[in-house]
Protein backbone atom coordinates (compact mmCIF):
# COMPACT_ATOMS: atom_id res chain seq x y z
CA MET A 1 210.32 87.24 181.17
CA ASN A 2 210.03 84.69 178.49
CA LYS A 3 209.54 81.31 180.28
CA LEU A 4 211.55 79.65 177.60
CA ILE A 5 214.77 81.28 178.73
CA PRO A 6 215.20 79.48 181.98
CA LEU A 7 214.29 76.12 180.29
CA ILE A 8 217.03 76.87 177.58
CA GLY A 9 219.40 77.81 180.29
CA VAL A 10 218.82 74.39 181.97
CA GLN A 11 219.66 72.59 178.67
CA CYS A 12 222.72 74.78 178.13
CA LEU A 13 223.83 73.81 181.74
CA ALA A 14 223.39 70.14 180.94
CA ALA A 15 225.42 70.54 177.64
CA ALA A 16 228.09 72.26 179.52
CA VAL A 17 228.39 69.51 182.22
CA ALA A 18 228.62 66.92 179.41
CA ILE A 19 231.29 68.91 177.54
CA VAL A 20 233.42 69.42 180.69
CA ASP A 21 233.06 65.78 181.58
CA ALA A 22 234.38 64.88 178.04
CA VAL A 23 237.21 67.43 178.02
CA SER A 24 238.27 66.66 181.70
CA THR A 25 239.11 62.98 180.72
CA GLN A 26 241.43 64.36 178.04
CA SER A 27 242.96 67.36 180.01
CA SER A 28 245.17 66.86 183.02
CA ALA A 29 244.90 70.42 184.04
CA LEU A 30 241.20 70.21 184.03
CA SER A 31 240.97 66.75 185.82
CA SER A 32 243.55 67.91 188.49
CA PHE A 33 241.82 71.21 189.21
CA ASN A 34 241.23 71.68 192.88
CA PHE A 35 240.33 75.00 194.57
CA ASP A 36 238.54 74.66 198.02
CA PRO A 37 239.35 77.31 200.63
CA ILE A 38 237.34 76.17 203.61
CA PHE A 39 235.43 79.36 204.11
CA VAL A 40 234.28 80.17 200.60
CA TYR A 41 231.55 77.69 200.18
CA PRO A 42 229.89 78.18 203.65
CA VAL A 43 229.89 81.91 203.02
CA LEU A 44 228.19 81.50 199.64
CA ASN A 45 225.52 79.08 201.09
CA THR A 46 224.86 81.67 203.77
CA ILE A 47 224.40 84.58 201.37
CA PHE A 48 222.28 82.95 198.75
CA LEU A 49 220.73 79.79 200.23
CA LEU A 50 219.67 81.05 203.85
CA PRO A 51 217.46 83.96 202.59
CA ALA A 52 215.74 81.60 200.19
CA ALA A 53 215.04 79.03 202.85
CA LEU A 54 213.60 81.69 205.19
CA GLY A 55 211.43 83.23 202.40
CA VAL A 56 210.13 79.75 201.42
CA GLY A 57 209.58 78.72 205.03
CA TYR A 58 207.57 81.96 205.93
CA THR A 59 205.44 81.81 202.71
CA SER A 60 204.51 78.17 202.98
CA ALA A 61 203.60 78.53 206.67
CA ARG A 62 201.59 81.58 205.92
CA ALA A 63 199.88 79.80 203.04
CA PHE A 64 199.06 76.65 205.02
CA ASN A 65 197.66 78.84 207.91
CA SER A 66 195.24 80.67 205.46
CA SER A 67 194.24 77.81 203.25
CA GLY A 68 194.67 74.62 205.35
CA LEU A 69 196.50 72.83 202.44
CA ILE A 70 198.87 70.57 204.29
CA GLY A 71 200.70 69.90 201.06
CA LEU A 72 202.05 73.50 200.88
CA GLN A 73 203.46 73.19 204.40
CA LEU A 74 205.35 69.98 203.45
CA MET A 75 206.62 71.40 200.29
CA GLY A 76 207.97 74.48 202.15
CA LEU A 77 209.60 72.26 204.67
CA GLY A 78 211.08 70.08 201.90
CA ALA A 79 212.61 73.12 200.23
CA MET A 80 213.82 74.54 203.63
CA ALA A 81 215.48 71.23 204.44
CA LEU A 82 217.32 71.09 201.06
CA LEU A 83 218.57 74.81 201.31
CA LEU A 84 219.36 74.75 205.01
CA SER A 85 221.31 71.50 204.79
CA SER A 86 224.00 73.33 202.83
CA LEU A 87 224.88 75.17 205.89
CA SER A 88 226.60 72.12 207.24
CA ALA A 89 229.67 73.24 205.39
CA TRP A 90 230.38 75.57 208.21
CA ALA A 91 231.41 72.53 210.14
CA GLY A 92 234.93 72.55 208.98
CA VAL A 93 235.56 76.29 209.53
CA GLY A 94 236.25 75.90 213.23
CA SER A 95 239.13 73.44 212.75
CA GLY A 96 241.48 76.06 211.57
CA ALA A 97 242.53 73.97 208.58
CA LEU A 98 243.04 75.55 205.14
CA VAL A 99 241.09 72.73 203.42
CA ALA A 100 238.22 70.45 204.73
CA ARG A 101 239.20 67.47 206.67
CA PRO A 102 237.79 64.03 205.69
CA GLN A 103 235.48 64.01 208.77
CA ASP A 104 234.14 67.50 207.91
CA VAL A 105 233.44 66.24 204.32
CA SER A 106 231.71 63.20 205.48
CA PHE A 107 229.64 65.36 208.02
CA TYR A 108 228.73 67.78 205.29
CA TYR A 109 227.65 65.00 202.80
CA SER A 110 225.71 63.26 205.32
CA ILE A 111 223.50 66.23 206.07
CA GLN A 112 223.34 67.35 202.51
CA VAL A 113 222.36 63.91 201.17
CA LEU A 114 220.40 62.31 204.07
CA PHE A 115 218.54 65.36 205.31
CA GLY A 116 218.66 67.84 202.28
CA GLY A 117 218.35 65.43 199.52
CA PHE A 118 216.57 62.51 200.66
CA THR A 119 214.19 63.95 203.40
CA GLY A 120 213.76 67.05 201.39
CA GLY A 121 212.72 65.10 198.40
CA ILE A 122 210.26 62.94 200.24
CA LEU A 123 208.56 66.04 201.58
CA GLN A 124 208.42 67.71 198.34
CA LEU A 125 206.84 64.78 196.55
CA ALA A 126 204.40 64.07 199.43
CA GLY A 127 203.51 67.90 199.59
CA ALA A 128 202.92 68.06 195.81
CA VAL A 129 200.55 65.04 195.79
CA LEU A 130 198.63 66.32 198.97
CA ALA A 131 198.32 69.90 197.59
CA PHE A 132 196.96 68.51 194.19
CA ARG A 133 194.42 66.53 196.21
CA GLU A 134 193.49 69.61 197.96
CA SER A 135 194.03 67.71 201.44
CA LYS A 136 193.06 70.32 204.08
CA VAL A 137 193.41 70.67 207.78
CA LYS A 138 190.52 72.20 209.85
CA PRO A 139 191.10 75.71 211.06
CA GLU A 140 191.23 74.70 214.70
CA LEU A 141 194.03 71.99 214.04
CA ARG A 142 196.32 74.24 211.79
CA ARG A 143 198.53 75.46 214.41
CA ILE A 144 198.91 71.87 215.98
CA ALA A 145 199.65 70.50 212.44
CA MET A 146 202.19 73.38 211.72
CA PHE A 147 203.90 72.57 215.13
CA GLY A 148 203.96 68.99 214.65
CA SER A 149 205.37 69.10 210.98
CA TYR A 150 208.09 71.56 212.02
CA SER A 151 208.94 69.59 214.93
CA THR A 152 209.17 66.38 213.11
CA VAL A 153 211.38 67.72 210.48
CA ILE A 154 213.66 69.44 213.09
CA LEU A 155 213.81 66.12 215.07
CA VAL A 156 214.93 64.30 211.85
CA GLY A 157 217.50 66.92 211.18
CA VAL A 158 218.83 66.74 214.63
CA ALA A 159 219.12 63.07 214.47
CA ILE A 160 221.01 62.91 211.11
CA THR A 161 223.33 65.66 212.46
CA ALA A 162 224.07 63.68 215.65
CA ALA A 163 224.68 60.54 213.84
CA ALA A 164 227.02 62.36 211.36
CA GLY A 165 228.78 64.16 214.32
CA ARG A 166 229.42 60.92 216.00
CA GLY A 167 230.82 59.52 212.81
CA LEU A 168 228.20 56.92 212.36
CA THR A 169 227.84 57.84 208.74
CA ASP A 170 231.43 57.97 207.90
CA SER A 171 231.40 54.47 206.18
CA ILE A 172 228.67 55.63 203.82
CA PHE A 173 230.07 59.08 202.89
CA SER A 174 233.83 58.86 203.71
CA SER A 175 235.39 61.17 201.11
CA SER A 176 232.79 61.59 198.45
CA PRO A 177 228.89 61.15 198.57
CA GLN A 178 228.96 58.35 196.11
CA THR A 179 231.42 56.21 198.21
CA GLY A 180 229.78 52.86 198.77
CA SER A 181 226.72 51.25 197.39
CA LEU A 182 224.41 52.74 200.23
CA GLY A 183 225.54 56.23 199.54
CA THR A 184 224.99 55.80 195.77
CA ALA A 185 221.56 54.38 196.45
CA VAL A 186 220.54 57.24 198.75
CA ILE A 187 221.59 59.79 196.16
CA ALA A 188 219.72 57.98 193.38
CA ALA A 189 216.66 57.67 195.35
CA ALA A 190 216.77 61.39 196.26
CA GLY A 191 217.33 62.32 192.59
CA LEU A 192 214.52 60.03 191.37
CA THR A 193 212.10 61.62 194.00
CA TYR A 194 212.94 65.12 192.69
CA ALA A 195 212.71 63.95 189.00
CA ILE A 196 209.17 62.62 189.78
CA THR A 197 208.09 65.83 191.51
CA THR A 198 209.52 67.85 188.73
CA ALA A 199 207.48 66.02 186.07
CA PHE A 200 204.38 66.38 188.14
CA PHE A 201 204.89 70.14 188.58
CA GLY A 202 205.36 70.27 184.79
CA TRP A 203 202.19 68.49 184.14
CA LEU A 204 200.32 70.85 186.66
CA TYR A 205 201.86 73.88 185.11
CA LEU A 206 200.63 73.06 181.75
CA ASN A 207 197.14 72.94 183.11
CA SER A 208 197.30 76.14 185.26
CA ARG A 209 200.15 78.36 183.83
CA SER A 210 200.86 79.37 187.47
CA ASP A 211 204.10 81.34 187.97
CA ILE A 212 204.52 79.69 191.37
CA LEU A 213 204.36 76.24 189.83
CA TYR A 214 206.71 77.20 187.00
CA TRP A 215 209.45 78.50 189.33
CA ASN A 216 209.07 75.43 191.59
CA MET A 217 209.40 73.17 188.62
CA ILE A 218 212.61 75.04 187.55
CA ALA A 219 213.97 74.89 190.94
CA LEU A 220 213.40 71.08 191.19
CA LEU A 221 214.77 70.44 187.80
CA LEU A 222 217.98 72.03 188.84
CA VAL A 223 217.94 70.01 192.04
CA THR A 224 217.66 66.85 189.91
CA MET A 225 220.43 67.86 187.76
CA SER A 226 222.55 68.65 190.79
CA SER A 227 222.03 64.85 192.01
CA VAL A 228 223.61 63.82 188.75
CA ILE A 229 226.50 66.26 188.92
CA VAL A 230 227.31 64.86 192.40
CA PHE A 231 228.24 61.58 190.76
CA LEU A 232 230.77 63.34 188.48
CA SER A 233 232.63 64.93 191.48
CA GLN A 234 235.33 63.09 192.89
CA THR A 235 236.62 65.40 195.78
CA PRO A 236 235.59 68.78 197.16
CA GLY A 237 237.06 71.67 195.19
CA ASP A 238 237.18 69.85 191.77
CA ILE A 239 235.50 71.35 188.80
CA PHE A 240 232.30 69.32 189.09
CA SER A 241 231.90 70.27 192.72
CA TRP A 242 231.95 73.93 191.81
CA ILE A 243 229.47 73.31 189.03
CA TYR A 244 227.27 71.75 191.66
CA ARG A 245 227.78 74.57 193.97
CA GLY A 246 226.73 77.09 191.32
CA VAL A 247 223.62 75.08 190.50
CA THR A 248 222.69 75.16 194.21
CA ILE A 249 222.79 78.94 194.17
CA VAL A 250 220.65 79.17 190.87
CA TYR A 251 217.94 76.86 192.30
CA ALA A 252 217.85 78.90 195.57
CA GLY A 253 217.03 81.77 193.30
CA ALA A 254 214.39 79.77 191.58
CA PHE A 255 212.73 78.84 195.03
CA PHE A 256 213.03 82.49 195.90
CA ASN A 257 211.24 83.59 192.60
CA ALA A 258 208.44 81.26 193.63
CA VAL A 259 208.17 83.01 196.67
CA LEU A 260 207.88 86.31 194.96
CA SER A 261 205.55 85.01 192.42
CA SER A 262 202.95 84.59 195.15
CA ARG A 263 202.61 88.42 195.54
CA THR A 264 202.73 89.41 191.99
CA HIS A 265 200.29 90.43 189.37
CA HIS A 266 200.49 89.14 185.85
CA GLU A 267 198.36 89.67 182.86
CA GLY A 268 195.20 90.61 184.77
CA ARG A 269 195.49 87.67 187.18
CA THR A 270 196.70 87.70 190.77
CA LEU A 271 197.41 85.46 193.63
CA GLU A 272 196.98 87.70 196.66
CA THR A 273 197.99 85.00 198.98
CA ASN A 274 199.51 81.67 198.37
CA GLU A 275 196.24 79.96 199.19
CA ASN A 276 195.91 78.39 195.70
CA MET A 277 199.17 77.20 194.47
CA TRP A 278 197.90 75.50 191.50
CA ALA A 279 196.26 78.24 189.54
CA LEU A 280 196.13 81.99 189.18
CA GLU A 281 192.39 82.89 189.29
CA PRO A 282 191.20 85.94 187.30
CA THR A 283 190.40 89.06 189.28
CA ALA A 284 187.40 91.25 188.82
C-alpha cells in the first residue's frame, strides 16, 4: 500500500474535525446531537481494541525476550495501557441505566486519561528513547525485568482504578475530561508526550524505512489527534465524542498493523522477529 494514503487520511480527518467544529457552532441540530446507548461503546472497544492490545503485548514481550531491548517492552506496555484503558467503559453497563451516569463517566475518563493517556504516553516516549539507544538487558535478567515492568504497570493501573472507583478523581474529571485546570493539564501533557514520540518515530522512519516504525508513527499521530478532539467534546455521545471513538478504533488498527509488519516480507527485506525495530535488514 502506498504509505502516503494513511498520511493523507490523517490530514482529511483533521480537516473534517475542523469543518464539523465550525458547522456545529452554527447548527443547533449538530450541536445538540447526542447518542450514547450505554453498551455500544464498550462493545466496540472489546471488539477492536482488545485484540490489538493483546497482539501488541505478545509481540513486544517476545521481542524483548529475544533481543533484550527494554525499550520494546516499554513501548508495548504503553500501547497496551492505552488500548486496555478503554475497557473501563464497561463500568456503567452493570448499573442498568440507559445512559452513562456521572460517576461512570468520571470513572471512565480517569482510567482513560490518567492510565491510558498519561501513563501510556510516558511509557511510549521512554521506550522509544531506550530502544533507539539500544539499551539491553542481559539474558539472565530478562524474565525478571519483564515481570517487574508488567507488575509495575499493573500496580499503577490498579491504583488509578481504585482511586477512580472511590470517587477520588471526581473533582478532576466530573462530567468531561477537560473539567478543571488539572484535568486539562493532564490531557495536554499526555498529548504533548505522544506528539514528541510521533515526531521521534517519524525521524527514525525516514532513516530506516521500517514498516513497524511507520505504523507505530501513524498510530501515535492518531493518538495525538484524539487528545485534541477530547477538548472539543462536551458530553459523552455528542458528535465529537463519536469522532474520538472512531479514531481510537483506527489507531488500534494501526498498532495491530505494526504487529503484523514484524512478520511480513517486503521488497526483498524481512524482519523474522521483532528484534530490530529500527531497520529492516537485507536478507541473503
